[in-house]
Amino acid sequence: MQNNPASLPRRRLLTGSASALAAAGLASFQGQALAQAAASAAKPLPGYASFKNADAVIVHSSTTIETKRSAFGSSVITPTNQLYVRNNLPTPPESIVADRDAWAVQIDGVKKPAKLTVAELKKMGLETVTMVLQCSGNGRGFFPSKPSGTQWTVGAAGCVVWSGVPVRDVVKALGGVADGMVYMTGTGGEVLPAGIDPKTVMVERSVPAAAMQDALLAWEMNGEPVSLAHGGPLRLIVPGYTGVNNIKYIKQLAFTAKESEAHIMSHGYRISPPGAKGDPSQPSVQEMSVKSWINSPIPEDGNQSAGKVQIQGVAFGGMNAIKGVEVSIDGGKTWKQARLIGPDMGKYAWRQFALQADLPKGTYTLASRATDDKGNVQPETRGENQSGYNNTSWADHAVTVTVA
């Protein structure tokens, strides 16, 4: 579902671009978006997320809440009460955060397996990392094929600060990774429905074991205990990887010889060709890549006054730091280098960018294109896939504004 009708991005179709949509297709997409926006406007915040700022988010469902593009503001860190929510299963009961230090996680696939409480983990090490947390489907709403799932635009992402114990320190204390273990597999502590095979619904994901070097078992987010809505009392944080790999309510962290056989790993979150179903032979949705978008000015702001304007937004490189961002006011025909502003909070965080432009009366298609420090450039077109994952297209994320 999309923002309210007044806030829907309007993008000029790019002549000759591989990402251009047929006019009829775009009209159909916008019509559906308007209907979805009307439906979402009446949805209240679910109880576990009642602390969210209702004016800053879009409630798609009881398990999916999106940050409005207009709410990102001009700071690096996304406030907790505006950060998106995406849960694959119903949220566990509030009772699991009543005694946070008592929550325990089983560590397996190490030479000295152990079950450790949060209180014990707090004695083993401490580190803080700022990183972009982004749902794999962020940008799905721009796919003309209308993949099933929440029609996120840009708001299934945020830049947040996590504190916890480095996984590498825990592993070292337990004798190191056992021989032959090449994956790090996290299992969530959601309550599973009775009477069915747990592997069909459980949240369990595997990433390369090397990811443990920057991973945390985190108990704090943005300076506060991790809320139930965001995976408290303890969440596995894997910087640079999409949100589904950052396991909420983690109850087991295992180093394994094979990927998890849970459906969410073996078949879910796979980059499948259009029309195909996910299977283990297809790439898994894991590492993020270079991406950016503009947060101001945008259509939600209404018509702009002619004259000087600060075009600003955010950019991130996934696994790499951001080197630079270009901005276009003519739908990608010409580009100007923007300034990176604000603090650099590490390669996993996003960078703010700004470009001062003098805009006479008229209509402008504003786009941003980021480059990371490895030379990877944000692409013009999306990678088509069945589920609408990993949309980094700068053309899709462009906005059209009117200067009066």
Protein backbone atom coordinates (compact mmCIF):
# COMPACT_ATOMS: atom_id res chain seq x y z
CA MET A 1 0.00 0.00 0.00
CA GLN A 2 1.09 3.53 -0.64
CA ASN A 3 1.00 6.90 1.06
CA ASN A 4 -2.15 8.99 1.03
CA PRO A 5 -3.15 10.26 -2.41
CA ALA A 6 -1.50 13.63 -1.93
CA SER A 7 1.83 12.01 -1.17
CA LEU A 8 2.23 9.61 -4.09
CA PRO A 9 5.46 10.15 -6.05
CA ARG A 10 4.89 11.08 -9.68
CA ARG A 11 7.76 10.11 -11.97
CA ARG A 12 8.28 11.32 -15.50
CA LEU A 13 8.78 8.37 -17.82
CA LEU A 14 12.28 8.32 -19.21
CA THR A 15 12.33 8.15 -23.00
CA GLY A 16 14.41 5.26 -24.21
CA SER A 17 15.05 3.99 -20.66
CA ALA A 18 14.82 0.26 -20.03
CA SER A 19 12.97 1.11 -16.83
CA ALA A 20 10.23 3.16 -18.50
CA LEU A 21 6.71 1.94 -17.92
CA ALA A 22 3.94 1.93 -20.45
CA ALA A 23 1.56 4.81 -19.72
CA ALA A 24 -1.36 2.49 -19.21
CA GLY A 25 0.62 0.37 -16.80
CA LEU A 26 1.65 3.39 -14.75
CA ALA A 27 -1.91 4.65 -14.63
CA SER A 28 -3.07 1.27 -13.40
CA PHE A 29 -0.35 1.23 -10.76
CA GLN A 30 -1.26 4.71 -9.54
CA GLY A 31 -4.95 3.84 -9.45
CA GLN A 32 -4.27 0.79 -7.32
CA ALA A 33 -2.02 2.86 -5.07
CA LEU A 34 -4.80 5.40 -4.48
CA ALA A 35 -7.22 2.65 -3.49
CA GLN A 36 -4.65 1.06 -1.19
CA ALA A 37 -3.83 4.40 0.40
CA ALA A 38 -7.49 4.98 1.25
CA ALA A 39 -7.70 1.56 2.86
CA SER A 40 -4.51 2.01 4.88
CA ALA A 41 -5.49 5.44 6.19
CA ALA A 42 -8.04 3.91 8.55
CA LYS A 43 -5.76 1.25 10.03
CA PRO A 44 -4.73 1.86 13.65
CA LEU A 45 -1.33 1.07 15.09
CA PRO A 46 -1.14 -2.47 16.52
CA GLY A 47 -0.76 -2.66 20.28
CA TYR A 48 2.88 -3.77 20.30
CA ALA A 49 3.74 -0.71 18.17
CA SER A 50 1.45 1.79 19.86
CA PHE A 51 4.47 3.98 20.66
CA LYS A 52 4.95 4.79 16.96
CA ASN A 53 4.22 8.30 15.71
CA ALA A 54 1.00 7.74 13.78
CA ASP A 55 1.56 10.88 11.70
CA ALA A 56 4.96 9.62 10.51
CA VAL A 57 4.07 6.09 9.44
CA ILE A 58 1.73 4.11 7.18
CA VAL A 59 0.11 1.06 8.76
CA HIS A 60 -0.17 -1.54 6.03
CA SER A 61 -1.11 -4.42 8.33
CA SER A 62 -0.64 -5.63 11.90
CA THR A 63 2.90 -6.77 10.98
CA THR A 64 3.95 -4.14 8.41
CA ILE A 65 4.42 -0.44 9.16
CA GLU A 66 6.23 1.95 6.80
CA THR A 67 7.96 5.28 7.47
CA LYS A 68 6.53 8.06 5.33
CA ARG A 69 9.04 9.53 2.92
CA SER A 70 8.21 12.97 4.25
CA ALA A 71 9.05 11.88 7.81
CA PHE A 72 12.74 11.04 7.30
CA GLY A 73 13.69 14.65 7.99
CA SER A 74 17.27 15.88 7.72
CA SER A 75 19.11 13.90 10.38
CA VAL A 76 21.13 10.69 10.12
CA ILE A 77 19.40 8.55 12.74
CA THR A 78 15.82 7.36 12.27
CA PRO A 79 13.86 7.84 15.50
CA THR A 80 12.57 4.59 16.95
CA ASN A 81 8.99 5.87 16.93
CA GLN A 82 9.21 6.34 13.14
CA LEU A 83 11.21 3.25 12.17
CA TYR A 84 9.46 0.71 9.95
CA VAL A 85 8.23 -2.66 11.22
CA ARG A 86 8.24 -5.94 9.29
CA ASN A 87 7.47 -9.21 11.10
CA ASN A 88 7.14 -12.56 9.36
CA LEU A 89 5.18 -14.02 12.30
CA PRO A 90 2.96 -12.50 14.99
CA THR A 91 4.90 -10.67 17.68
CA PRO A 92 5.70 -12.74 20.79
CA PRO A 93 3.96 -11.87 24.08
CA GLU A 94 5.06 -8.77 25.98
CA SER A 95 6.17 -11.03 28.82
CA ILE A 96 9.46 -11.84 27.04
CA VAL A 97 10.74 -8.32 27.74
CA ALA A 98 9.59 -8.26 31.36
CA ASP A 99 12.99 -9.57 32.53
CA ARG A 100 15.32 -8.80 29.67
CA ASP A 101 18.51 -10.02 31.32
CA ALA A 102 16.97 -13.48 31.80
CA TRP A 103 16.45 -14.10 28.06
CA ALA A 104 18.80 -16.84 26.90
CA VAL A 105 20.31 -17.78 23.56
CA GLN A 106 21.80 -21.17 22.74
CA ILE A 107 25.19 -20.97 20.99
CA ASP A 108 25.98 -24.09 18.93
CA GLY A 109 28.54 -25.07 16.32
CA VAL A 110 31.36 -23.85 18.54
CA LYS A 111 33.88 -25.94 20.44
CA LYS A 112 32.18 -25.28 23.79
CA PRO A 113 28.42 -24.90 23.15
CA ALA A 114 26.57 -22.95 25.82
CA LYS A 115 23.28 -21.32 26.70
CA LEU A 116 23.90 -17.72 27.69
CA THR A 117 21.57 -15.16 29.23
CA VAL A 118 21.59 -11.51 28.24
CA ALA A 119 23.09 -10.77 31.66
CA GLU A 120 25.98 -13.11 30.87
CA LEU A 121 26.41 -11.70 27.36
CA LYS A 122 26.76 -8.20 28.79
CA LYS A 123 29.91 -9.33 30.62
CA MET A 124 31.52 -10.74 27.46
CA GLY A 125 31.97 -7.60 25.40
CA LEU A 126 30.40 -4.42 24.10
CA GLU A 127 30.34 -2.64 20.76
CA THR A 128 28.12 -0.12 19.00
CA VAL A 129 27.39 -0.01 15.28
CA THR A 130 25.30 2.37 13.19
CA MET A 131 23.71 0.67 10.21
CA VAL A 132 20.94 0.78 7.67
CA LEU A 133 18.15 -1.64 8.50
CA GLN A 134 16.15 -2.30 5.33
CA CYS A 135 13.46 -4.78 4.39
CA SER A 136 14.33 -6.90 1.36
CA GLY A 137 11.14 -5.67 -0.34
CA ASN A 138 11.78 -1.95 0.11
CA GLY A 139 10.95 -0.40 -3.28
CA ARG A 140 8.57 -3.24 -4.25
CA GLY A 141 5.80 -0.72 -4.82
CA PHE A 142 7.66 0.60 -7.87
CA PHE A 143 7.61 -2.73 -9.73
CA PRO A 144 5.03 -2.53 -12.56
CA SER A 145 4.50 -6.30 -12.23
CA LYS A 146 2.90 -5.68 -8.81
CA PRO A 147 4.58 -8.54 -6.92
CA SER A 148 2.62 -9.90 -3.99
CA GLY A 149 3.55 -8.55 -0.58
CA THR A 150 3.57 -5.13 1.03
CA GLN A 151 3.91 -2.38 -1.56
CA TRP A 152 6.75 -0.56 0.17
CA THR A 153 8.15 2.56 -1.50
CA VAL A 154 11.18 3.93 0.41
CA GLY A 155 9.97 3.67 4.00
CA ALA A 156 10.90 0.08 4.86
CA ALA A 157 14.33 1.32 5.87
CA GLY A 158 16.02 3.36 8.54
CA CYS A 159 19.44 4.17 9.98
CA VAL A 160 19.75 3.01 13.58
CA VAL A 161 22.35 2.55 16.32
CA TRP A 162 22.73 -0.88 17.92
CA SER A 163 24.71 -1.84 21.01
CA GLY A 164 25.55 -5.35 22.16
CA VAL A 165 28.24 -7.97 22.34
CA PRO A 166 30.23 -8.76 19.19
CA VAL A 167 29.47 -12.29 18.02
CA ARG A 168 33.18 -12.81 17.43
CA ASP A 169 33.82 -12.21 21.15
CA VAL A 170 31.21 -14.76 22.16
CA VAL A 171 32.65 -17.30 19.72
CA LYS A 172 36.18 -16.70 21.02
CA ALA A 173 35.03 -17.23 24.60
CA LEU A 174 33.45 -20.54 23.58
CA GLY A 175 36.59 -21.90 21.95
CA GLY A 176 36.04 -20.79 18.38
CA VAL A 177 33.94 -22.13 15.53
CA ALA A 178 33.85 -25.91 15.23
CA ASP A 179 35.59 -27.45 12.23
CA GLY A 180 33.63 -27.49 8.96
CA MET A 181 31.07 -24.86 9.95
CA VAL A 182 30.72 -22.31 7.16
CA TYR A 183 27.39 -20.65 7.93
CA MET A 184 26.07 -18.57 10.82
CA THR A 185 22.43 -19.53 11.38
CA GLY A 186 20.09 -17.54 13.60
CA THR A 187 16.72 -18.80 14.87
CA GLY A 188 13.98 -16.48 16.09
CA GLY A 189 11.98 -16.97 19.26
CA GLU A 190 8.51 -16.37 17.87
CA VAL A 191 5.69 -18.62 19.09
CA LEU A 192 5.01 -21.17 16.34
CA PRO A 193 1.54 -22.52 15.51
CA ALA A 194 0.90 -25.99 16.91
CA GLY A 195 0.39 -29.05 14.74
CA ILE A 196 2.55 -28.08 11.75
CA ASP A 197 6.14 -28.68 10.72
CA PRO A 198 8.13 -25.85 12.38
CA LYS A 199 10.39 -25.56 9.33
CA THR A 200 7.45 -24.33 7.23
CA VAL A 201 6.97 -21.16 9.29
CA MET A 202 9.94 -20.59 11.61
CA VAL A 203 12.20 -17.59 11.11
CA GLU A 204 15.67 -19.08 10.66
CA ARG A 205 18.27 -17.67 8.29
CA SER A 206 21.84 -18.56 7.37
CA VAL A 207 24.57 -16.17 6.27
CA PRO A 208 28.27 -16.83 5.61
CA ALA A 209 30.12 -17.45 8.88
CA ALA A 210 32.50 -14.59 8.05
CA ALA A 211 29.62 -12.17 8.75
CA MET A 212 30.17 -12.78 12.47
CA GLN A 213 33.15 -10.40 12.38
CA ASP A 214 30.84 -7.36 12.42
CA ALA A 215 27.70 -9.02 13.83
CA LEU A 216 26.26 -8.21 17.26
CA LEU A 217 23.89 -9.81 19.72
CA ALA A 218 22.20 -6.49 20.48
CA TRP A 219 20.12 -5.50 23.48
CA GLU A 220 19.99 -1.77 22.83
CA MET A 221 18.75 0.31 19.86
CA ASN A 222 19.01 4.08 19.58
CA GLY A 223 20.06 4.33 23.22
CA GLU A 224 17.17 2.31 24.64
CA PRO A 225 16.45 -1.38 25.28
CA VAL A 226 15.38 -3.00 22.00
CA SER A 227 11.59 -2.82 21.88
CA LEU A 228 9.44 -5.89 21.31
CA ALA A 229 8.45 -4.41 17.95
CA HIS A 230 12.08 -4.46 16.82
CA GLY A 231 13.17 -7.81 18.21
CA GLY A 232 13.84 -7.27 21.91
CA PRO A 233 15.04 -8.42 24.29
CA LEU A 234 17.85 -9.63 22.02
CA ARG A 235 18.37 -9.34 18.28
CA LEU A 236 21.04 -10.67 15.94
CA ILE A 237 22.43 -7.74 13.99
CA VAL A 238 24.31 -8.48 10.75
CA PRO A 239 25.43 -5.13 9.30
CA GLY A 240 25.10 -4.77 5.54
CA TYR A 241 22.54 -7.57 5.25
CA THR A 242 18.79 -7.11 4.61
CA GLY A 243 16.43 -7.04 7.56
CA VAL A 244 15.26 -10.66 7.39
CA ASN A 245 18.80 -11.80 8.21
CA ASN A 246 18.81 -9.71 11.40
CA ILE A 247 16.94 -12.22 13.54
CA LYS A 248 14.52 -10.87 16.14
CA TYR A 249 14.04 -12.51 19.58
CA ILE A 250 17.04 -14.68 18.80
CA LYS A 251 16.98 -17.93 20.76
CA GLN A 252 19.69 -19.89 18.94
CA LEU A 253 22.85 -18.89 17.10
CA ALA A 254 24.48 -21.87 15.43
CA PHE A 255 27.48 -22.27 13.18
CA THR A 256 26.48 -24.89 10.66
CA ALA A 257 27.88 -26.86 7.75
CA LYS A 258 24.79 -26.25 5.63
CA GLU A 259 22.20 -23.53 5.18
CA SER A 260 19.04 -23.79 7.24
CA GLU A 261 16.33 -26.02 5.77
CA ALA A 262 13.60 -23.73 7.06
CA HIS A 263 11.29 -22.63 4.23
CA ILE A 264 12.10 -18.96 4.78
CA MET A 265 15.71 -19.83 3.89
CA SER A 266 15.39 -22.62 1.35
CA HIS A 267 12.55 -21.14 -0.71
CA GLY A 268 11.67 -17.74 0.76
CA TYR A 269 13.63 -14.58 0.06
CA ARG A 270 15.18 -15.93 -3.13
CA ILE A 271 15.79 -13.88 -6.27
CA SER A 272 13.45 -15.81 -8.57
CA PRO A 273 12.81 -14.99 -12.22
CA PRO A 274 9.39 -13.46 -12.92
CA GLY A 275 6.77 -16.20 -12.85
CA ALA A 276 8.99 -18.69 -11.01
CA LYS A 277 8.85 -19.96 -7.44
CA GLY A 278 11.78 -19.67 -5.09
CA ASP A 279 14.11 -22.62 -4.61
CA PRO A 280 17.58 -23.28 -3.14
CA SER A 281 19.29 -22.93 -6.53
CA GLN A 282 18.46 -19.23 -6.73
CA PRO A 283 20.40 -16.42 -5.03
CA SER A 284 19.36 -15.70 -1.46
CA VAL A 285 18.46 -12.16 -0.39
CA GLN A 286 21.39 -11.27 1.84
CA GLU A 287 23.88 -8.46 1.21
CA MET A 288 22.56 -5.01 0.31
CA SER A 289 24.04 -2.89 -2.46
CA VAL A 290 24.39 0.80 -3.27
CA LYS A 291 21.17 2.85 -3.15
CA SER A 292 19.88 6.37 -2.56
CA TRP A 293 16.75 8.47 -2.77
CA ILE A 294 15.59 12.05 -2.28
CA ASN A 295 13.57 12.99 0.80
CA SER A 296 13.07 16.70 0.05
CA PRO A 297 11.56 18.34 -1.87
CA ILE A 298 8.93 15.72 -2.66
CA PRO A 299 5.28 15.88 -3.79
CA GLU A 300 4.07 15.52 -0.18
CA ASP A 301 5.51 18.99 0.49
CA GLY A 302 3.17 20.61 -2.04
CA ASN A 303 4.29 23.09 -4.69
CA GLN A 304 7.67 24.71 -4.11
CA SER A 305 8.36 28.43 -4.39
CA ALA A 306 10.63 29.43 -7.25
CA GLY A 307 14.22 30.16 -6.28
CA LYS A 308 16.82 28.38 -4.22
CA VAL A 309 16.00 24.94 -2.84
CA GLN A 310 17.99 22.35 -0.91
CA ILE A 311 17.60 18.95 -2.55
CA GLN A 312 18.48 16.39 0.11
CA GLY A 313 18.27 12.68 0.77
CA VAL A 314 20.13 9.61 1.96
CA ALA A 315 22.54 7.13 0.38
CA PHE A 316 24.10 3.86 1.54
CA GLY A 317 26.36 1.19 0.13
CA GLY A 318 25.19 -1.93 1.92
CA MET A 319 28.53 -3.65 2.49
CA ASN A 320 30.58 -0.63 1.39
CA ALA A 321 30.93 3.01 2.32
CA ILE A 322 29.46 5.76 0.17
CA LYS A 323 31.96 7.70 -1.94
CA GLY A 324 29.62 10.21 -3.57
CA VAL A 325 26.12 11.10 -4.76
CA GLU A 326 24.96 12.85 -7.92
CA VAL A 327 21.63 14.62 -8.28
CA SER A 328 19.62 15.26 -11.44
CA ILE A 329 16.77 17.73 -11.83
CA ASP A 330 15.83 16.56 -15.33
CA GLY A 331 15.10 12.87 -14.88
CA GLY A 332 18.68 11.70 -15.36
CA LYS A 333 19.66 13.63 -18.50
CA THR A 334 22.30 15.63 -16.63
CA TRP A 335 23.87 15.21 -13.18
CA LYS A 336 25.56 17.42 -10.59
CA GLN A 337 27.70 16.27 -7.68
CA ALA A 338 25.96 16.65 -4.31
CA ARG A 339 27.70 17.29 -1.00
CA LEU A 340 27.89 14.56 1.63
CA ILE A 341 26.77 16.24 4.84
CA GLY A 342 26.42 15.34 8.49
CA PRO A 343 28.52 12.86 10.43
CA ASP A 344 30.09 9.80 8.85
CA MET A 345 28.93 7.04 11.21
CA GLY A 346 30.68 4.18 9.48
CA LYS A 347 30.41 2.22 6.27
CA TYR A 348 27.16 0.50 7.27
CA ALA A 349 25.30 3.76 8.03
CA TRP A 350 23.71 5.94 5.42
CA ARG A 351 25.10 9.32 4.44
CA GLN A 352 23.05 12.45 4.01
CA PHE A 353 23.54 14.42 0.83
CA ALA A 354 22.46 17.86 -0.30
CA LEU A 355 22.54 19.95 -3.46
CA GLN A 356 21.51 23.58 -3.58
CA ALA A 357 19.67 24.34 -6.82
CA ASP A 358 18.01 27.41 -8.27
CA LEU A 359 14.68 26.26 -9.72
CA PRO A 360 12.51 28.63 -11.80
CA LYS A 361 8.82 27.90 -12.21
CA GLY A 362 8.19 24.54 -13.83
CA THR A 363 8.06 20.82 -13.23
CA TYR A 364 11.19 18.86 -12.33
CA THR A 365 11.99 15.16 -12.05
CA LEU A 366 14.50 14.83 -9.23
CA ALA A 367 16.73 11.78 -9.02
CA SER A 368 19.81 10.73 -7.07
CA ARG A 369 22.55 8.27 -8.03
CA ALA A 370 25.05 7.00 -5.47
CA THR A 371 28.52 5.47 -5.89
CA ASP A 372 30.24 3.39 -3.22
CA ASP A 373 33.94 3.31 -2.39
CA LYS A 374 34.44 0.18 -4.53
CA GLY A 375 33.21 2.00 -7.63
CA ASN A 376 29.74 0.41 -7.74
CA VAL A 377 27.17 2.83 -9.17
CA GLN A 378 23.48 2.76 -8.34
CA PRO A 379 21.74 1.40 -11.46
CA GLU A 380 19.07 3.13 -13.49
CA THR A 381 16.89 0.03 -13.75
CA ARG A 382 15.57 -2.47 -11.25
CA GLY A 383 16.48 -6.14 -11.31
CA GLU A 384 13.22 -7.82 -12.26
CA ASN A 385 12.28 -10.71 -9.99
CA GLN A 386 9.15 -12.51 -8.86
CA SER A 387 8.95 -11.10 -5.34
CA GLY A 388 10.05 -7.51 -5.90
CA TYR A 389 13.28 -7.72 -3.88
CA ASN A 390 16.36 -5.49 -3.88
CA ASN A 391 15.04 -2.56 -5.90
CA THR A 392 17.91 -0.07 -6.15
CA SER A 393 16.80 1.68 -9.37
CA TRP A 394 17.41 5.42 -9.27
CA ALA A 395 14.73 5.94 -11.93
CA ASP A 396 12.12 4.16 -9.82
CA HIS A 397 12.98 6.24 -6.77
CA ALA A 398 12.86 9.61 -8.59
CA VAL A 399 10.16 12.14 -7.71
CA THR A 400 8.45 14.86 -9.72
CA VAL A 401 7.86 18.25 -8.08
CA THR A 402 6.20 21.42 -9.25
CA VAL A 403 7.74 24.85 -8.65
CA ALA A 404 5.14 27.61 -8.70
